N, C-alpha and C. Protein backbone atom coordinates (compact mmCIF):
# COMPACT_ATOMS: atom_id res chain seq x y z
N UNK A 1 0.87 -0.93 0.01
CA UNK A 1 0.08 0.16 -0.05
C UNK A 1 1.10 1.22 -0.01
N UNK A 2 0.77 2.49 -0.73
CA UNK A 2 1.61 3.47 -0.90
C UNK A 2 0.49 4.86 -1.19
N UNK A 3 0.81 5.85 -0.10
CA UNK A 3 0.10 6.54 0.07
C UNK A 3 0.11 7.83 -1.28
N UNK A 4 -0.98 8.47 -1.38
CA UNK A 4 -1.52 9.32 -2.65
C UNK A 4 -0.30 10.29 -2.65
N UNK A 5 0.17 10.74 -3.91
CA UNK A 5 1.28 11.72 -3.70
C UNK A 5 1.11 13.00 -2.87
N UNK A 6 -0.04 13.52 -2.55
CA UNK A 6 -0.50 14.71 -2.17
C UNK A 6 -0.74 14.48 -0.89
N UNK A 7 -0.78 13.53 -0.14
CA UNK A 7 -1.00 13.03 0.97
C UNK A 7 -0.97 14.07 2.36
N UNK A 8 -0.15 15.07 2.10
CA UNK A 8 0.41 15.90 3.23
C UNK A 8 -1.06 16.97 2.99
N UNK A 9 -1.39 16.94 2.09
CA UNK A 9 -2.96 18.04 1.87
C UNK A 9 -4.39 17.21 1.93
N UNK A 10 -4.18 16.35 2.11
CA UNK A 10 -5.48 15.34 2.46
C UNK A 10 -6.80 16.24 3.03
N UNK A 11 -6.34 16.76 4.23
CA UNK A 11 -7.13 17.38 4.96
C UNK A 11 -8.08 18.48 3.99
N UNK A 12 -7.58 19.18 2.81
CA UNK A 12 -8.31 19.90 1.78
C UNK A 12 -9.30 19.04 1.09
N UNK A 13 -9.36 17.57 1.47
CA UNK A 13 -10.30 17.35 0.50
C UNK A 13 -11.32 16.96 1.34
N UNK A 14 -12.76 17.41 0.48
CA UNK A 14 -14.18 17.14 1.24
C UNK A 14 -14.24 15.87 1.83
N UNK A 15 -14.01 14.78 1.26
CA UNK A 15 -14.08 13.49 1.84
C UNK A 15 -13.63 13.20 2.86
N UNK A 16 -12.24 13.78 3.28
CA UNK A 16 -11.65 13.58 4.68
C UNK A 16 -12.20 14.76 5.79
N UNK A 17 -13.01 15.79 5.28
CA UNK A 17 -13.26 16.58 6.12
C UNK A 17 -14.64 16.16 6.65
N UNK A 18 -15.42 15.60 5.79
CA UNK A 18 -16.47 14.91 6.25
C UNK A 18 -16.41 13.74 6.98
N UNK A 19 -15.55 13.22 6.56
CA UNK A 19 -15.39 11.76 7.54
C UNK A 19 -14.77 12.15 8.79
N UNK A 20 -13.96 13.33 9.04
CA UNK A 20 -13.69 13.79 10.40
C UNK A 20 -14.60 13.95 11.23
N UNK A 21 -15.81 14.86 10.31
CA UNK A 21 -16.46 15.23 11.43
C UNK A 21 -17.70 14.26 11.91
N UNK A 22 -17.85 13.12 10.91
CA UNK A 22 -18.76 11.97 11.29
C UNK A 22 -17.93 11.67 12.53
N UNK A 23 -16.71 11.45 12.18
CA UNK A 23 -15.84 10.88 13.34
C UNK A 23 -16.01 11.46 14.62
N UNK A 24 -15.79 12.93 14.85
CA UNK A 24 -15.94 13.29 16.01
C UNK A 24 -17.44 13.34 16.32
N UNK A 25 -18.25 13.23 15.57
CA UNK A 25 -19.72 13.31 16.17
C UNK A 25 -20.12 12.17 16.97
N UNK A 26 -19.79 10.91 16.38
CA UNK A 26 -19.61 9.81 16.79
C UNK A 26 -18.77 9.49 18.32
N UNK A 27 -17.32 10.15 18.15
CA UNK A 27 -16.70 9.82 19.25
C UNK A 27 -17.34 10.82 20.42
N UNK A 28 -18.22 11.72 20.23
CA UNK A 28 -18.58 12.61 20.96
C UNK A 28 -19.65 11.83 21.74
N UNK A 29 -20.44 11.27 20.82
CA UNK A 29 -21.57 10.54 21.36
C UNK A 29 -20.96 9.29 22.31
N UNK A 30 -20.02 8.79 21.84
CA UNK A 30 -19.62 7.47 22.69
C UNK A 30 -18.78 8.06 24.30
N UNK A 31 -18.07 9.40 23.85
CA UNK A 31 -17.49 9.74 25.01
C UNK A 31 -18.21 10.70 26.33
N UNK A 32 -19.52 10.63 25.95
CA UNK A 32 -20.36 11.57 26.65
C UNK A 32 -21.11 11.20 27.48
N UNK A 33 -20.73 10.22 28.60
CA UNK A 33 -21.96 9.37 29.54
C UNK A 33 -22.56 10.01 30.29
N UNK A 34 -22.17 11.16 30.26
CA UNK A 34 -22.95 12.19 31.23
C UNK A 34 -24.47 12.80 30.36
N UNK A 35 -24.38 12.29 29.18
CA UNK A 35 -25.84 12.41 28.36
C UNK A 35 -26.97 12.09 29.68
N UNK A 36 -26.67 10.90 29.84
CA UNK A 36 -27.96 10.17 31.04
C UNK A 36 -28.29 10.74 32.12
N UNK A 37 -27.30 12.05 32.13
CA UNK A 37 -27.31 12.96 33.46
C UNK A 37 -28.50 14.16 33.04
N UNK A 38 -28.09 14.13 31.95
CA UNK A 38 -29.01 15.52 31.17
C UNK A 38 -30.23 15.49 31.50
N UNK A 39 -31.23 16.49 32.15
CA UNK A 39 -32.54 16.27 32.54
C UNK A 39 -33.32 15.74 31.10
N UNK A 40 -34.15 14.89 31.19
CA UNK A 40 -35.29 14.41 29.88
C UNK A 40 -35.81 15.48 29.19
N UNK A 41 -36.15 16.71 30.02
CA UNK A 41 -36.59 17.78 29.04
C UNK A 41 -35.77 18.37 27.99
N UNK A 42 -34.55 18.51 28.41
CA UNK A 42 -33.51 19.04 27.65
C UNK A 42 -33.09 18.14 26.51
N UNK A 43 -33.05 16.54 26.71
CA UNK A 43 -32.97 15.57 26.12
C UNK A 43 -34.17 15.56 24.50
N UNK A 44 -34.98 15.87 25.29
CA UNK A 44 -36.03 15.70 24.35
C UNK A 44 -36.18 17.20 23.23
N UNK A 45 -35.51 17.74 23.65
CA UNK A 45 -35.37 19.15 22.29
C UNK A 45 -34.65 18.84 21.09
N UNK A 46 -33.85 17.49 21.12
CA UNK A 46 -33.11 17.18 20.47
C UNK A 46 -33.67 15.65 19.68
N UNK A 47 -34.35 15.62 18.60
CA UNK A 47 -34.66 14.57 17.76
C UNK A 47 -33.70 13.43 17.93
N UNK A 48 -34.30 12.15 18.36
CA UNK A 48 -33.33 10.88 18.40
C UNK A 48 -32.64 10.66 17.45
N UNK A 49 -32.89 11.07 16.11
CA UNK A 49 -32.25 10.55 14.96
C UNK A 49 -30.82 11.02 14.83
N UNK A 50 -30.93 12.24 15.11
CA UNK A 50 -29.67 13.47 15.05
C UNK A 50 -28.28 12.46 15.55
N UNK A 51 -28.40 11.68 16.59
CA UNK A 51 -27.26 10.89 17.11
C UNK A 51 -26.81 9.81 15.94
N UNK A 52 -27.64 9.13 15.22
CA UNK A 52 -27.16 8.18 14.37
C UNK A 52 -27.34 8.99 12.84
N UNK A 53 -28.19 9.70 12.63
CA UNK A 53 -28.42 10.38 11.25
C UNK A 53 -27.52 11.40 10.84
N UNK A 54 -26.86 12.25 11.42
CA UNK A 54 -25.88 13.28 10.98
C UNK A 54 -24.76 12.40 10.89
N UNK A 55 -23.92 11.41 11.72
CA UNK A 55 -22.64 10.82 11.61
C UNK A 55 -22.73 9.80 10.16
N UNK A 56 -23.89 9.41 9.75
CA UNK A 56 -24.13 8.48 8.55
C UNK A 56 -24.20 9.53 7.13
N UNK A 57 -25.29 10.44 7.77
CA UNK A 57 -24.90 11.68 6.30
C UNK A 57 -23.49 12.15 6.01
N UNK A 58 -23.07 12.26 7.22
CA UNK A 58 -21.39 12.72 6.89
C UNK A 58 -20.34 11.85 6.27
N UNK A 59 -20.79 10.46 6.54
CA UNK A 59 -19.87 9.28 5.82
C UNK A 59 -20.35 9.10 4.54
N UNK A 60 -21.78 9.20 4.17
CA UNK A 60 -22.29 9.02 2.94
C UNK A 60 -21.98 10.45 1.91
N UNK A 61 -22.02 11.61 2.61
CA UNK A 61 -21.56 12.67 1.51
C UNK A 61 -20.04 12.40 1.27
N UNK A 62 -19.26 11.80 2.12
CA UNK A 62 -17.73 11.83 2.07
C UNK A 62 -17.50 10.87 0.85
N UNK A 63 -18.44 9.86 0.73
CA UNK A 63 -18.29 9.34 -0.43
C UNK A 63 -18.52 9.96 -1.62
N UNK A 64 -19.51 10.48 -1.97
CA UNK A 64 -20.00 11.40 -2.90
C UNK A 64 -18.62 12.26 -3.08
N UNK A 65 -18.34 13.03 -1.88
CA UNK A 65 -17.21 14.12 -2.09
C UNK A 65 -15.90 13.57 -2.79
N UNK A 66 -15.51 12.10 -2.44
CA UNK A 66 -14.25 11.64 -2.98
C UNK A 66 -14.49 11.33 -4.61
N UNK A 67 -15.38 11.44 -5.16
CA UNK A 67 -15.58 11.31 -6.75
C UNK A 67 -15.99 12.55 -7.52
N UNK A 68 -16.24 13.48 -6.68
CA UNK A 68 -16.64 14.68 -7.31
C UNK A 68 -15.32 15.51 -7.53
N UNK A 69 -15.01 16.12 -8.96
CA UNK A 69 -14.07 16.78 -9.01
C UNK A 69 -13.74 18.11 -7.97
N UNK A 70 -12.83 18.20 -7.62
CA UNK A 70 -12.51 19.50 -6.87
C UNK A 70 -11.55 20.39 -7.41
N UNK A 71 -12.22 21.56 -8.06
CA UNK A 71 -11.52 22.33 -8.97
C UNK A 71 -9.90 22.85 -8.47
N UNK A 72 -10.34 23.48 -7.26
CA UNK A 72 -9.19 24.19 -6.90
C UNK A 72 -7.95 23.09 -6.61
N UNK A 73 -8.25 22.10 -5.92
CA UNK A 73 -7.24 21.04 -5.71
C UNK A 73 -6.38 20.41 -7.05
N UNK A 74 -7.46 20.21 -8.08
CA UNK A 74 -6.97 19.94 -9.49
C UNK A 74 -5.85 20.86 -9.86
N UNK A 75 -6.46 22.03 -9.68
CA UNK A 75 -5.37 22.94 -10.25
C UNK A 75 -4.12 23.14 -9.43
N UNK A 76 -4.16 23.14 -8.17
CA UNK A 76 -3.06 22.80 -7.56
C UNK A 76 -2.12 21.55 -7.83
N UNK A 77 -2.54 20.61 -8.08
CA UNK A 77 -1.90 19.19 -8.56
C UNK A 77 -1.17 19.08 -9.89
N UNK A 78 -2.24 20.25 -10.69
CA UNK A 78 -1.93 20.42 -12.40
C UNK A 78 -1.92 19.14 -13.04
N UNK A 79 -3.08 18.54 -12.68
CA UNK A 79 -3.32 17.34 -13.36
C UNK A 79 -4.11 17.36 -14.69
N UNK A 80 -3.86 16.61 -15.89
CA UNK A 80 -4.34 16.89 -16.86
C UNK A 80 -5.96 16.68 -16.98
N UNK A 81 -6.80 17.25 -17.51
CA UNK A 81 -8.13 16.88 -17.62
C UNK A 81 -8.49 15.93 -18.32
N UNK A 82 -9.66 14.83 -18.22
CA UNK A 82 -9.80 14.07 -19.17
C UNK A 82 -10.75 14.57 -20.61
């Protein structure tokens, strides 16, 4: 396995950014055992689907972002266009 030539700039890829956001949300959900201490009234303000839906959406968008041309990154890499 070999890294892509511009791996140091991977943080600029939208797929990497979206995956990172999804990871942060999932990690926060797992790392916050205090959620059970929050009053039920406060927890009721957020829909249940947010905990699972937002990270899943981020990962799905990351897949799409990986195959969409990112003009600024292509210009920086100076790749020939098909």
